[in-house]
Amino acid sequence: MKTHLNFSTTDLAKSITFYSTLLDARPKKLLSDYALFITDEPPLELTLTVKTASHLTGDHYGIFVETTEEVDRAIARIQNAGLVASIEREQTCCYANQTKVWVTDPMGRRWEIYTVHEDIDERDTFTTSCCTDASSTDPACCSAPTASVSR
């Protein structure tokens, strides 16, 4: 299990330099509008997503798990607690096919518990929460990459 954070940035290069130094790591996946750091110490997945200054909302937090069964257990736990959840099964988000559950904390922070089935070359589809969240209205959220380096 690893914690996942997604931070918006207007300057991907500067953010990569900063987080490379902070985490003593290089991105495992790097595209024109996206960078993914995966570290064992601390156990973290950090994504950086390019947004315009007027669309810097949409940051979210997450917990990566190894299997769909772990996501299903989280869904049951969340629903049993009476929390409203958004469930996505085998959807494209952030250059990966994923299954996940989204839930929002009392202060409006979005959390996801997710697993990755496979890396892909697409960014997102317009049907996923990554793109349909009210705070993420920038159409560039779902635009195709111009360059890719896989994990």
Protein backbone atom coordinates (compact mmCIF):
# COMPACT_ATOMS: atom_id res chain seq x y z
CA MET A 1 0.00 0.00 0.00
CA LYS A 2 1.26 3.47 -0.91
CA THR A 3 -0.14 6.95 -0.43
CA HIS A 4 -0.99 8.76 -3.68
CA LEU A 5 -0.98 12.54 -4.09
CA ASN A 6 -1.89 14.49 -7.24
CA PHE A 7 -0.65 18.07 -7.42
CA SER A 8 -1.47 20.60 -10.12
CA THR A 9 1.34 22.76 -11.48
CA THR A 10 1.74 25.51 -14.03
CA ASP A 11 5.43 24.67 -14.52
CA LEU A 12 6.07 20.96 -14.85
CA ALA A 13 9.84 21.28 -15.30
CA LYS A 14 10.31 23.31 -12.11
CA SER A 15 8.01 20.96 -10.18
CA ILE A 16 9.93 17.91 -11.44
CA THR A 17 13.21 19.51 -10.33
CA PHE A 18 11.76 20.30 -6.91
CA TYR A 19 10.21 16.88 -6.27
CA SER A 20 13.21 15.04 -7.70
CA THR A 21 15.33 16.77 -5.07
CA LEU A 22 12.80 16.41 -2.27
CA LEU A 23 12.16 12.72 -2.91
CA ASP A 24 15.67 11.88 -4.20
CA ALA A 25 13.99 10.24 -7.20
CA ARG A 26 13.27 10.76 -10.89
CA PRO A 27 9.82 10.37 -12.47
CA LYS A 28 8.91 6.82 -13.49
CA LYS A 29 6.54 8.17 -16.14
CA LEU A 30 7.02 11.50 -17.89
CA LEU A 31 4.82 13.08 -20.54
CA SER A 32 4.31 16.63 -21.75
CA ASP A 33 1.55 17.32 -19.19
CA TYR A 34 2.18 14.70 -16.52
CA ALA A 35 4.87 13.22 -14.29
CA LEU A 36 4.63 10.22 -11.97
CA PHE A 37 7.06 9.57 -9.12
CA ILE A 38 6.94 6.19 -7.37
CA THR A 39 9.11 5.80 -4.28
CA ASP A 40 9.57 3.06 -1.72
CA GLU A 41 10.90 5.41 0.97
CA PRO A 42 8.58 7.03 1.71
CA PRO A 43 6.00 4.67 0.17
CA LEU A 44 4.48 7.23 -2.19
CA GLU A 45 3.01 7.77 -5.63
CA LEU A 46 3.10 11.46 -6.56
CA THR A 47 1.63 12.75 -9.81
CA LEU A 48 2.15 16.23 -11.18
CA THR A 49 -0.45 17.46 -13.65
CA VAL A 50 -0.12 20.62 -15.75
CA LYS A 51 -3.03 23.02 -15.38
CA THR A 52 -3.52 26.65 -16.26
CA ALA A 53 -3.29 29.07 -13.33
CA SER A 54 -7.07 29.50 -13.41
CA HIS A 55 -7.59 25.73 -13.08
CA LEU A 56 -5.19 24.82 -10.29
CA THR A 57 -7.92 23.11 -8.31
CA GLY A 58 -8.47 19.41 -8.72
CA ASP A 59 -5.67 18.20 -6.48
CA HIS A 60 -6.59 14.95 -4.86
CA TYR A 61 -5.19 12.34 -2.53
CA GLY A 62 -5.21 8.61 -2.79
CA ILE A 63 -4.18 5.23 -1.59
CA PHE A 64 -2.77 2.76 -4.09
CA VAL A 65 -3.57 -0.90 -3.44
CA GLU A 66 -2.34 -3.97 -5.28
CA THR A 67 -5.64 -5.66 -6.22
CA THR A 68 -9.22 -5.05 -7.30
CA GLU A 69 -10.31 -7.07 -4.26
CA GLU A 70 -8.71 -4.46 -2.00
CA VAL A 71 -10.63 -1.73 -3.85
CA ASP A 72 -13.83 -3.76 -3.41
CA ARG A 73 -13.19 -4.04 0.35
CA ALA A 74 -12.72 -0.26 0.49
CA ILE A 75 -15.97 0.25 -1.42
CA ALA A 76 -17.84 -1.93 1.07
CA ARG A 77 -16.27 -0.11 4.04
CA ILE A 78 -17.09 3.32 2.60
CA GLN A 79 -20.67 2.40 1.69
CA ASN A 80 -21.26 0.68 5.07
CA ALA A 81 -20.24 3.95 6.74
CA GLY A 82 -22.95 5.74 4.75
CA LEU A 83 -20.50 7.77 2.69
CA VAL A 84 -21.30 8.61 -0.91
CA ALA A 85 -18.81 7.10 -3.28
CA SER A 86 -18.13 7.20 -6.99
CA ILE A 87 -16.92 3.88 -8.37
CA GLU A 88 -14.95 3.47 -11.58
CA ARG A 89 -14.12 0.03 -12.92
CA GLU A 90 -11.47 -0.45 -15.60
CA GLN A 91 -11.54 3.21 -16.61
CA THR A 92 -8.81 5.28 -18.24
CA CYS A 93 -7.29 7.90 -15.96
CA CYS A 94 -3.81 9.43 -15.87
CA TYR A 95 -2.34 7.16 -18.55
CA ALA A 96 -3.51 3.95 -16.86
CA ASN A 97 -6.45 1.56 -16.84
CA GLN A 98 -7.68 1.59 -13.23
CA THR A 99 -10.41 0.48 -10.85
CA LYS A 100 -11.09 2.94 -8.06
CA VAL A 101 -13.50 4.41 -5.57
CA TRP A 102 -13.72 8.16 -4.93
CA VAL A 103 -14.96 9.71 -1.69
CA THR A 104 -14.92 13.31 -0.44
CA ASP A 105 -13.94 14.29 3.10
CA PRO A 106 -15.98 16.80 5.16
CA MET A 107 -13.78 19.67 3.95
CA GLY A 108 -14.20 18.79 0.27
CA ARG A 109 -10.87 17.02 -0.30
CA ARG A 110 -11.20 14.19 -2.83
CA TRP A 111 -9.66 10.81 -1.99
CA GLU A 112 -9.33 7.75 -4.18
CA ILE A 113 -8.48 4.16 -3.36
CA TYR A 114 -7.33 2.54 -6.57
CA THR A 115 -5.42 -0.16 -8.38
CA VAL A 116 -3.76 -0.01 -11.79
CA HIS A 117 -4.50 -2.80 -14.24
CA GLU A 118 -2.09 -1.56 -16.92
CA ASP A 119 -0.31 1.55 -18.17
CA ILE A 120 -1.66 2.96 -21.44
CA ASP A 121 -0.93 5.83 -23.80
CA GLU A 122 -4.22 7.71 -23.20
CA ARG A 123 -4.62 10.45 -20.59
CA ASP A 124 -8.29 10.20 -19.57
CA THR A 125 -11.77 9.74 -20.95
CA PHE A 126 -14.48 12.30 -20.37
CA THR A 127 -16.51 9.77 -18.38
CA THR A 128 -14.03 9.38 -15.54
CA SER A 129 -14.06 11.36 -12.29
CA CYS A 130 -10.57 12.56 -13.06
CA CYS A 131 -12.18 14.70 -15.76
CA THR A 132 -15.75 15.17 -14.62
CA ASP A 133 -14.99 16.54 -11.16
CA ALA A 134 -16.57 19.99 -10.86
CA SER A 135 -13.22 21.51 -9.95
CA SER A 136 -11.59 20.10 -13.07
CA THR A 137 -13.31 21.94 -15.90
CA ASP A 138 -10.21 22.49 -18.02
CA PRO A 139 -10.65 20.48 -21.26
CA ALA A 140 -6.87 19.98 -21.30
CA CYS A 141 -7.43 17.56 -18.40
CA CYS A 142 -8.35 14.95 -20.96
CA SER A 143 -6.12 15.92 -23.86
CA ALA A 144 -3.82 13.38 -25.41
CA PRO A 145 -0.11 13.49 -24.61
CA THR A 146 2.44 14.73 -27.11
CA ALA A 147 5.32 12.60 -25.83
CA SER A 148 5.59 9.54 -23.67
CA VAL A 149 7.96 7.56 -21.53
CA SER A 150 6.47 4.51 -19.86
CA ARG A 151 6.91 3.31 -16.29
